[in-house]
Protein backbone atom coordinates (compact mmCIF):
# COMPACT_ATOMS: atom_id res chain seq x y z
CA UNK A 1 -55.62 3.60 -10.65
CA UNK A 2 -58.26 1.14 -11.77
CA UNK A 3 -56.77 -1.88 -10.00
CA UNK A 4 -55.47 -1.64 -6.42
CA UNK A 5 -51.79 -1.28 -5.78
CA UNK A 6 -49.90 -4.43 -4.81
CA UNK A 7 -46.95 -3.92 -2.44
CA UNK A 8 -44.55 -6.75 -1.60
CA UNK A 9 -41.59 -6.75 0.78
CA UNK A 10 -38.77 -9.31 0.50
CA UNK A 11 -35.99 -9.92 2.99
CA UNK A 12 -37.34 -7.04 5.04
CA UNK A 13 -40.35 -6.45 7.20
CA UNK A 14 -42.55 -3.75 5.80
CA UNK A 15 -44.06 -1.23 8.12
CA UNK A 16 -47.29 0.72 7.82
CA UNK A 17 -45.26 3.90 7.33
CA UNK A 18 -43.21 2.31 4.55
CA UNK A 19 -46.29 0.96 2.79
CA UNK A 20 -48.01 4.36 3.14
CA UNK A 21 -44.96 5.98 1.53
CA UNK A 22 -45.16 3.56 -1.42
CA UNK A 23 -48.91 4.19 -1.78
CA UNK A 24 -48.38 7.95 -1.73
CA UNK A 25 -45.78 7.75 -4.51
CA UNK A 26 -47.99 5.38 -6.53
CA UNK A 27 -51.02 7.68 -6.23
CA UNK A 28 -48.98 10.53 -7.75
CA UNK A 29 -48.33 8.48 -10.90
CA UNK A 30 -51.93 9.14 -12.03
CA UNK A 31 -50.91 12.77 -12.60
CA UNK A 32 -48.57 11.70 -15.38
CA UNK A 33 -50.74 9.03 -17.00
CA UNK A 34 -54.30 8.49 -15.86
CA UNK A 35 -54.89 5.11 -17.52
CA UNK A 36 -52.78 2.96 -15.20
CA UNK A 37 -54.48 -0.43 -14.94
CA UNK A 38 -52.19 -2.10 -12.44
CA UNK A 39 -49.19 -1.26 -10.32
CA UNK A 40 -47.04 -3.76 -8.43
CA UNK A 41 -44.17 -2.62 -6.21
CA UNK A 42 -41.58 -4.92 -4.70
CA UNK A 43 -39.16 -3.61 -2.08
CA UNK A 44 -36.31 -5.98 -1.35
CA UNK A 45 -33.43 -5.74 1.09
CA UNK A 46 -30.14 -6.93 -0.31
CA UNK A 47 -27.96 -9.53 1.32
CA UNK A 48 -26.43 -8.63 4.66
CA UNK A 49 -22.81 -9.15 3.57
CA UNK A 50 -22.28 -5.52 2.48
CA UNK A 51 -19.53 -3.58 4.25
CA UNK A 52 -21.75 -0.60 4.88
CA UNK A 53 -25.50 -0.75 5.35
CA UNK A 54 -28.08 -2.90 3.65
CA UNK A 55 -28.93 -1.72 0.12
CA UNK A 56 -32.52 -1.81 -1.12
CA UNK A 57 -33.77 -2.87 -4.54
CA UNK A 58 -37.13 -1.51 -5.71
CA UNK A 59 -39.02 -2.89 -8.71
CA UNK A 60 -42.17 -1.29 -10.07
CA UNK A 61 -44.35 -3.01 -12.68
CA UNK A 62 -46.98 -0.74 -14.20
CA UNK A 63 -49.59 -2.06 -16.61
CA UNK A 64 -51.05 0.49 -19.01
CA UNK A 65 -53.20 -0.11 -22.11
CA UNK A 66 -51.06 -1.94 -24.64
CA UNK A 67 -47.86 -1.88 -22.63
CA UNK A 68 -46.10 -2.80 -19.42
CA UNK A 69 -43.57 -0.44 -17.90
CA UNK A 70 -40.98 -1.98 -15.64
CA UNK A 71 -38.64 0.06 -13.48
CA UNK A 72 -35.97 -1.72 -11.53
CA UNK A 73 -33.68 0.37 -9.35
CA UNK A 74 -30.64 -1.74 -8.62
CA UNK A 75 -28.73 -0.63 -5.53
CA UNK A 76 -25.22 -1.45 -6.75
CA UNK A 77 -23.07 1.63 -6.30
CA UNK A 78 -25.93 3.70 -4.86
CA UNK A 79 -25.09 3.94 -1.19
CA UNK A 80 -27.96 6.39 -0.88
CA UNK A 81 -30.11 3.27 -1.31
CA UNK A 82 -29.12 2.22 2.20
CA UNK A 83 -32.17 4.33 3.05
CA UNK A 84 -35.25 2.47 1.85
CA UNK A 85 -37.18 5.73 1.43
CA UNK A 86 -34.51 7.11 -0.93
CA UNK A 87 -34.57 3.88 -2.95
CA UNK A 88 -38.38 4.10 -3.24
CA UNK A 89 -38.25 7.78 -4.22
CA UNK A 90 -35.64 7.12 -6.93
CA UNK A 91 -37.63 4.21 -8.34
CA UNK A 92 -40.83 6.23 -8.51
CA UNK A 93 -38.96 9.16 -10.11
CA UNK A 94 -37.81 6.77 -12.84
CA UNK A 95 -41.36 5.39 -13.18
CA UNK A 96 -42.73 8.91 -13.53
CA UNK A 97 -40.27 9.68 -16.35
CA UNK A 98 -41.18 6.44 -18.14
CA UNK A 99 -44.91 7.20 -17.81
CA UNK A 100 -44.39 10.72 -19.16
CA UNK A 101 -42.50 9.27 -22.15
CA UNK A 102 -45.29 6.73 -22.70
CA UNK A 103 -47.96 9.45 -22.55
CA UNK A 104 -46.03 11.57 -25.10
CA UNK A 105 -45.79 8.61 -27.48
CA UNK A 106 -49.53 7.97 -27.20
CA UNK A 107 -50.36 11.64 -27.82
CA UNK A 108 -47.90 11.63 -30.73
CA UNK A 109 -46.13 14.61 -29.22
CA UNK A 110 -42.98 15.31 -31.12
CA UNK A 111 -40.64 18.21 -30.88
CA UNK A 112 -41.06 20.63 -33.72
CA UNK A 113 -38.04 22.52 -34.91
CA UNK A 114 -38.53 25.59 -37.04
CA UNK A 115 -36.91 25.13 -40.43
CA UNK A 116 -33.98 27.50 -40.94
CA UNK A 117 -34.70 30.72 -42.78
CA UNK A 118 -32.97 31.61 -46.04
CA UNK A 119 -31.41 34.79 -47.27
CA UNK A 120 -28.47 36.31 -49.09
CA UNK A 121 -25.54 38.28 -47.77
CA UNK A 122 -26.29 41.94 -48.61
CA UNK A 123 -23.35 43.53 -46.82
CA UNK A 124 -20.18 42.48 -45.01
CA UNK A 125 -18.19 44.78 -42.70
CA UNK A 126 -15.08 42.75 -41.77
CA UNK A 127 -13.50 45.59 -39.78
CA UNK A 128 -16.51 45.60 -37.42
CA UNK A 129 -17.07 41.79 -37.50
CA UNK A 130 -20.66 41.95 -38.73
CA UNK A 131 -22.76 41.62 -41.85
CA UNK A 132 -26.33 41.97 -43.06
CA UNK A 133 -28.57 39.27 -44.49
CA UNK A 134 -31.52 40.14 -46.71
CA UNK A 135 -34.44 37.68 -46.72
CA UNK A 136 -36.59 36.95 -49.80
CA UNK A 137 -39.29 39.11 -48.16
CA UNK A 138 -36.90 42.07 -48.03
CA UNK A 139 -36.19 41.99 -44.27
CA UNK A 140 -32.66 42.80 -43.17
CA UNK A 141 -31.01 41.08 -40.22
CA UNK A 142 -27.59 41.79 -38.78
CA UNK A 143 -25.28 38.89 -37.93
CA UNK A 144 -21.94 38.77 -36.17
CA UNK A 145 -18.68 36.99 -36.96
CA UNK A 146 -19.35 34.59 -34.08
CA UNK A 147 -22.75 33.68 -35.56
CA UNK A 148 -21.22 32.13 -38.68
CA UNK A 149 -20.78 28.38 -38.29
CA UNK A 150 -17.32 26.83 -38.69
CA UNK A 151 -15.58 30.20 -38.64
CA UNK A 152 -16.54 30.90 -42.27
CA UNK A 153 -17.04 34.66 -41.77
CA UNK A 154 -13.85 35.55 -43.70
CA UNK A 155 -14.98 33.41 -46.66
CA UNK A 156 -18.35 35.15 -47.03
CA UNK A 157 -19.06 37.26 -50.09
CA UNK A 158 -21.91 39.59 -50.94
CA UNK A 159 -24.61 37.52 -52.65
CA UNK A 160 -23.79 34.24 -50.86
CA UNK A 161 -26.88 32.27 -49.96
CA UNK A 162 -27.19 31.39 -46.28
CA UNK A 163 -29.56 29.75 -43.84
CA UNK A 164 -29.95 31.10 -40.34
CA UNK A 165 -31.97 31.09 -37.17
CA UNK A 166 -33.54 34.28 -35.96
CA UNK A 167 -33.00 35.55 -32.43
CA UNK A 168 -33.92 38.67 -30.54
CA UNK A 169 -30.97 41.03 -30.15
CA UNK A 170 -30.67 44.17 -28.04
CA UNK A 171 -31.96 46.33 -30.89
CA UNK A 172 -34.32 43.90 -32.59
CA UNK A 173 -34.14 40.65 -34.56
CA UNK A 174 -30.71 39.33 -35.55
CA UNK A 175 -29.50 36.30 -37.48
CA UNK A 176 -27.79 33.60 -35.46
CA UNK A 177 -26.29 30.26 -36.40
CA UNK A 178 -25.56 31.33 -39.96
CA UNK A 179 -24.68 28.52 -42.41
CA UNK A 180 -23.33 29.13 -45.88
CA UNK A 181 -25.37 27.15 -48.41
CA UNK A 182 -22.94 25.21 -50.55
CA UNK A 183 -23.01 22.28 -52.93
CA UNK A 184 -23.57 19.90 -49.98
CA UNK A 185 -26.57 21.81 -48.70
CA UNK A 186 -30.09 21.63 -50.04
CA UNK A 187 -32.19 24.74 -50.15
CA UNK A 188 -35.89 24.05 -49.77
């Protein structure tokens, strides 16, 4: 981190061990995003009128280029947060996830989904609950009754256009998640 960590304790006396724990968690954040400019952590003990133990609230403010990430772990309903170390761990886990999300947005990482493949039904064997799809390249892939979406296996006819995902079967590639291309589907 470029700027030193600021740790504040409210309604509780901080110890060297507790502050060291916070510093250790904060130092790990650099693994997930190395451009942290500032990190402020506030550990606060709740009011003493709880029936069980005292619950801890942890707030982490992280300044990164162009953004501020705030994580606030409220103790309500989290009796595990009677342990200040658990409350700190949970808050830093949430901060880590937020930093990872921020880093992905900056890198423009997006999930890429393969477009479905296209083909035509070449053969249907209803008695054995399978069929064969032929792709435009001439490949043949077997599919099973359970692979056809919305139970449309019995409505299939030879020549029907379908889209599908390819998976590895026991004896080679097979078609899975088979969709019949109809008037509401666009082939592209």
